N, C-alpha and C. Protein backbone atom coordinates (compact mmCIF):
# COMPACT_ATOMS: atom_id res chain seq x y z
N UNK A 1 -64.67 172.40 132.28
CA UNK A 1 -64.95 171.62 131.10
C UNK A 1 -66.43 171.24 131.13
N UNK A 2 -67.08 171.40 130.00
CA UNK A 2 -68.51 171.10 129.92
C UNK A 2 -68.75 169.59 129.89
N UNK A 3 -69.97 169.20 130.21
CA UNK A 3 -70.30 167.77 130.20
C UNK A 3 -70.22 167.19 128.79
N UNK A 4 -70.50 167.99 127.77
CA UNK A 4 -70.39 167.53 126.38
C UNK A 4 -68.93 167.22 126.05
N UNK A 5 -68.03 168.09 126.51
CA UNK A 5 -66.60 167.88 126.25
C UNK A 5 -66.10 166.65 126.99
N UNK A 6 -66.58 166.45 128.20
CA UNK A 6 -66.19 165.27 128.99
C UNK A 6 -66.69 164.00 128.31
N UNK A 7 -67.94 164.03 127.84
CA UNK A 7 -68.50 162.86 127.14
C UNK A 7 -67.74 162.57 125.85
N UNK A 8 -67.39 163.62 125.12
CA UNK A 8 -66.64 163.45 123.88
C UNK A 8 -65.27 162.84 124.17
N UNK A 9 -64.62 163.31 125.22
CA UNK A 9 -63.32 162.77 125.61
C UNK A 9 -63.45 161.30 126.03
N UNK A 10 -64.49 160.99 126.78
CA UNK A 10 -64.75 159.61 127.23
C UNK A 10 -65.04 158.72 126.02
N UNK A 11 -65.84 159.23 125.06
CA UNK A 11 -66.16 158.46 123.86
C UNK A 11 -64.91 158.19 123.03
N UNK A 12 -64.03 159.19 122.91
CA UNK A 12 -62.78 159.02 122.16
C UNK A 12 -61.90 157.97 122.82
N UNK A 13 -61.86 157.96 124.15
CA UNK A 13 -61.07 156.97 124.88
C UNK A 13 -61.66 155.58 124.70
N UNK A 14 -62.99 155.47 124.80
CA UNK A 14 -63.66 154.18 124.64
C UNK A 14 -63.42 153.63 123.24
N UNK A 15 -63.48 154.49 122.22
CA UNK A 15 -63.24 154.07 120.84
C UNK A 15 -61.80 153.62 120.66
N UNK A 16 -60.86 154.36 121.26
CA UNK A 16 -59.44 153.97 121.18
C UNK A 16 -59.24 152.59 121.79
N UNK A 17 -59.77 152.36 122.98
CA UNK A 17 -59.61 151.08 123.66
C UNK A 17 -60.24 149.95 122.83
N UNK A 18 -61.43 150.19 122.32
CA UNK A 18 -62.12 149.18 121.51
C UNK A 18 -61.29 148.80 120.28
N UNK A 19 -60.84 149.81 119.54
CA UNK A 19 -60.07 149.54 118.33
C UNK A 19 -58.70 148.97 118.63
N UNK A 20 -58.05 149.46 119.68
CA UNK A 20 -56.73 148.93 120.05
C UNK A 20 -56.82 147.46 120.41
N UNK A 21 -57.82 147.09 121.18
CA UNK A 21 -57.99 145.68 121.55
C UNK A 21 -58.17 144.80 120.32
N UNK A 22 -59.01 145.22 119.40
CA UNK A 22 -59.26 144.44 118.19
C UNK A 22 -58.03 144.38 117.29
N UNK A 23 -57.43 145.54 117.04
CA UNK A 23 -56.32 145.60 116.07
C UNK A 23 -55.05 144.95 116.59
N UNK A 24 -54.74 145.14 117.86
CA UNK A 24 -53.52 144.53 118.41
C UNK A 24 -53.68 143.01 118.48
N UNK A 25 -54.87 142.55 118.87
CA UNK A 25 -55.13 141.11 118.89
C UNK A 25 -54.97 140.52 117.50
N UNK A 26 -55.51 141.20 116.49
CA UNK A 26 -55.40 140.72 115.11
C UNK A 26 -53.94 140.74 114.65
N UNK A 27 -53.21 141.80 114.99
CA UNK A 27 -51.81 141.90 114.59
C UNK A 27 -50.98 140.78 115.20
N UNK A 28 -51.22 140.48 116.47
CA UNK A 28 -50.50 139.40 117.14
C UNK A 28 -50.81 138.07 116.45
N UNK A 29 -52.09 137.84 116.15
CA UNK A 29 -52.48 136.60 115.46
C UNK A 29 -51.78 136.51 114.11
N UNK A 30 -51.77 137.60 113.37
CA UNK A 30 -51.15 137.60 112.04
C UNK A 30 -49.64 137.38 112.12
N UNK A 31 -49.00 137.97 113.13
CA UNK A 31 -47.56 137.76 113.31
C UNK A 31 -47.28 136.30 113.62
N UNK A 32 -48.12 135.69 114.43
CA UNK A 32 -47.95 134.26 114.73
C UNK A 32 -48.12 133.42 113.47
N UNK A 33 -49.06 133.80 112.61
CA UNK A 33 -49.23 133.09 111.34
C UNK A 33 -48.00 133.22 110.46
N UNK A 34 -47.39 134.40 110.44
CA UNK A 34 -46.13 134.58 109.70
C UNK A 34 -45.06 133.67 110.32
N UNK A 35 -45.04 133.60 111.64
CA UNK A 35 -44.09 132.73 112.33
C UNK A 35 -44.24 131.27 111.94
N UNK A 36 -45.46 130.86 111.63
CA UNK A 36 -45.69 129.48 111.20
C UNK A 36 -44.93 129.16 109.91
N UNK A 37 -44.59 130.17 109.13
CA UNK A 37 -43.82 129.95 107.90
C UNK A 37 -42.41 129.44 108.18
N UNK A 38 -41.98 129.51 109.42
CA UNK A 38 -40.63 129.05 109.78
C UNK A 38 -40.53 127.52 109.83
N UNK A 39 -41.64 126.82 109.69
CA UNK A 39 -41.66 125.36 109.73
C UNK A 39 -41.02 124.81 108.46
N UNK A 40 -39.78 124.36 108.59
CA UNK A 40 -39.04 123.87 107.42
C UNK A 40 -39.57 122.54 106.90
N UNK A 41 -40.37 121.83 107.69
CA UNK A 41 -40.98 120.59 107.21
C UNK A 41 -42.12 120.88 106.24
N UNK A 42 -42.71 122.06 106.36
CA UNK A 42 -43.84 122.42 105.50
C UNK A 42 -43.48 123.40 104.39
N UNK A 43 -42.41 124.18 104.60
CA UNK A 43 -42.06 125.25 103.66
C UNK A 43 -40.57 125.23 103.35
N UNK A 44 -40.24 125.69 102.17
CA UNK A 44 -38.83 125.83 101.78
C UNK A 44 -38.55 127.32 101.60
N UNK A 45 -37.56 127.80 102.31
CA UNK A 45 -37.18 129.22 102.20
C UNK A 45 -35.70 129.37 102.49
N UNK A 46 -35.17 130.46 102.05
CA UNK A 46 -33.76 130.79 102.27
C UNK A 46 -33.65 131.67 103.51
N UNK A 47 -32.49 131.67 104.12
CA UNK A 47 -32.25 132.55 105.27
C UNK A 47 -32.46 134.01 104.89
N UNK A 48 -32.13 134.35 103.64
CA UNK A 48 -32.33 135.73 103.19
C UNK A 48 -33.82 136.09 103.19
N UNK A 49 -34.68 135.12 102.87
CA UNK A 49 -36.13 135.36 102.90
C UNK A 49 -36.58 135.67 104.33
N UNK A 50 -36.12 134.85 105.27
CA UNK A 50 -36.48 135.06 106.68
C UNK A 50 -35.99 136.41 107.17
N UNK A 51 -34.77 136.76 106.82
CA UNK A 51 -34.22 138.05 107.24
C UNK A 51 -35.01 139.21 106.66
N UNK A 52 -35.47 139.07 105.41
CA UNK A 52 -36.24 140.13 104.77
C UNK A 52 -37.60 140.30 105.47
N UNK A 53 -38.23 139.19 105.82
CA UNK A 53 -39.51 139.24 106.54
C UNK A 53 -39.32 139.92 107.89
N UNK A 54 -38.31 139.49 108.63
CA UNK A 54 -38.05 140.06 109.96
C UNK A 54 -37.72 141.55 109.86
N UNK A 55 -36.91 141.91 108.87
CA UNK A 55 -36.54 143.32 108.67
C UNK A 55 -37.77 144.16 108.35
N UNK A 56 -38.68 143.64 107.51
CA UNK A 56 -39.89 144.39 107.14
C UNK A 56 -40.79 144.58 108.36
N UNK A 57 -40.97 143.53 109.16
CA UNK A 57 -41.81 143.64 110.35
C UNK A 57 -41.19 144.57 111.38
N UNK A 58 -39.87 144.47 111.57
CA UNK A 58 -39.19 145.35 112.53
C UNK A 58 -39.28 146.80 112.09
N UNK A 59 -39.13 147.03 110.80
CA UNK A 59 -39.22 148.39 110.27
C UNK A 59 -40.60 148.97 110.54
N UNK A 60 -41.63 148.16 110.36
CA UNK A 60 -43.00 148.64 110.60
C UNK A 60 -43.22 148.91 112.08
N UNK A 61 -42.63 148.09 112.95
CA UNK A 61 -42.72 148.35 114.39
C UNK A 61 -42.01 149.66 114.75
N UNK A 62 -40.88 149.93 114.10
CA UNK A 62 -40.16 151.19 114.35
C UNK A 62 -41.01 152.39 113.94
N UNK A 63 -41.72 152.27 112.80
CA UNK A 63 -42.61 153.34 112.35
C UNK A 63 -43.74 153.53 113.36
N UNK A 64 -44.29 152.42 113.85
CA UNK A 64 -45.36 152.47 114.85
C UNK A 64 -44.89 153.22 116.10
N UNK A 65 -43.71 152.88 116.60
CA UNK A 65 -43.17 153.56 117.80
C UNK A 65 -43.02 155.06 117.54
N UNK A 66 -42.50 155.41 116.38
CA UNK A 66 -42.31 156.82 116.04
C UNK A 66 -43.64 157.56 115.98
N UNK A 67 -44.65 156.91 115.43
CA UNK A 67 -45.96 157.57 115.33
C UNK A 67 -46.57 157.82 116.70
N UNK A 68 -46.40 156.89 117.62
CA UNK A 68 -46.91 157.11 118.98
C UNK A 68 -46.12 158.19 119.71
N UNK A 69 -44.87 158.40 119.32
CA UNK A 69 -44.09 159.51 119.88
C UNK A 69 -44.42 160.81 119.17
N UNK A 70 -45.16 160.73 118.05
CA UNK A 70 -45.51 161.92 117.28
C UNK A 70 -44.42 162.34 116.32
N UNK A 71 -43.53 161.40 115.97
CA UNK A 71 -42.36 161.73 115.15
C UNK A 71 -42.51 161.47 113.66
N UNK A 72 -43.53 160.70 113.24
CA UNK A 72 -43.56 160.30 111.83
C UNK A 72 -44.98 160.28 111.30
N UNK A 73 -45.08 160.32 109.98
CA UNK A 73 -46.37 160.25 109.32
C UNK A 73 -46.62 158.85 108.78
N UNK A 74 -47.58 158.74 107.89
CA UNK A 74 -47.93 157.45 107.29
C UNK A 74 -46.86 157.03 106.29
N UNK A 75 -46.72 155.72 106.17
CA UNK A 75 -45.81 155.15 105.19
C UNK A 75 -46.52 153.96 104.57
N UNK A 76 -46.97 154.11 103.33
CA UNK A 76 -47.65 153.01 102.65
C UNK A 76 -46.60 152.16 101.96
N UNK A 77 -46.40 150.96 102.48
CA UNK A 77 -45.44 150.07 101.86
C UNK A 77 -46.07 148.70 101.67
N UNK A 78 -45.65 148.04 100.63
CA UNK A 78 -46.13 146.70 100.32
C UNK A 78 -44.93 145.77 100.38
N UNK A 79 -45.08 144.66 101.07
CA UNK A 79 -44.00 143.70 101.21
C UNK A 79 -44.01 142.72 100.05
N UNK A 80 -42.82 142.38 99.59
CA UNK A 80 -42.67 141.36 98.56
C UNK A 80 -41.29 140.74 98.69
N UNK A 81 -41.22 139.41 98.60
CA UNK A 81 -39.91 138.75 98.65
C UNK A 81 -39.18 138.93 97.35
């Protein structure tokens, strides 16, 4: 393997790590913010609303797992209660 190919591979790995750290940290923060909606003293919601939110997030996690296994493509979906 040439040094250019090794550098390209190293750069791709460094970019993956950089983006993964940023995006996963942001996703965790955003999920925690969604979790804050469970505060019944501040918000009024039905159990069906909570179930729909959980189902949407779980579905997206399932798509994520499949993509890392190489099993699925993109799915553009918009959530709405």
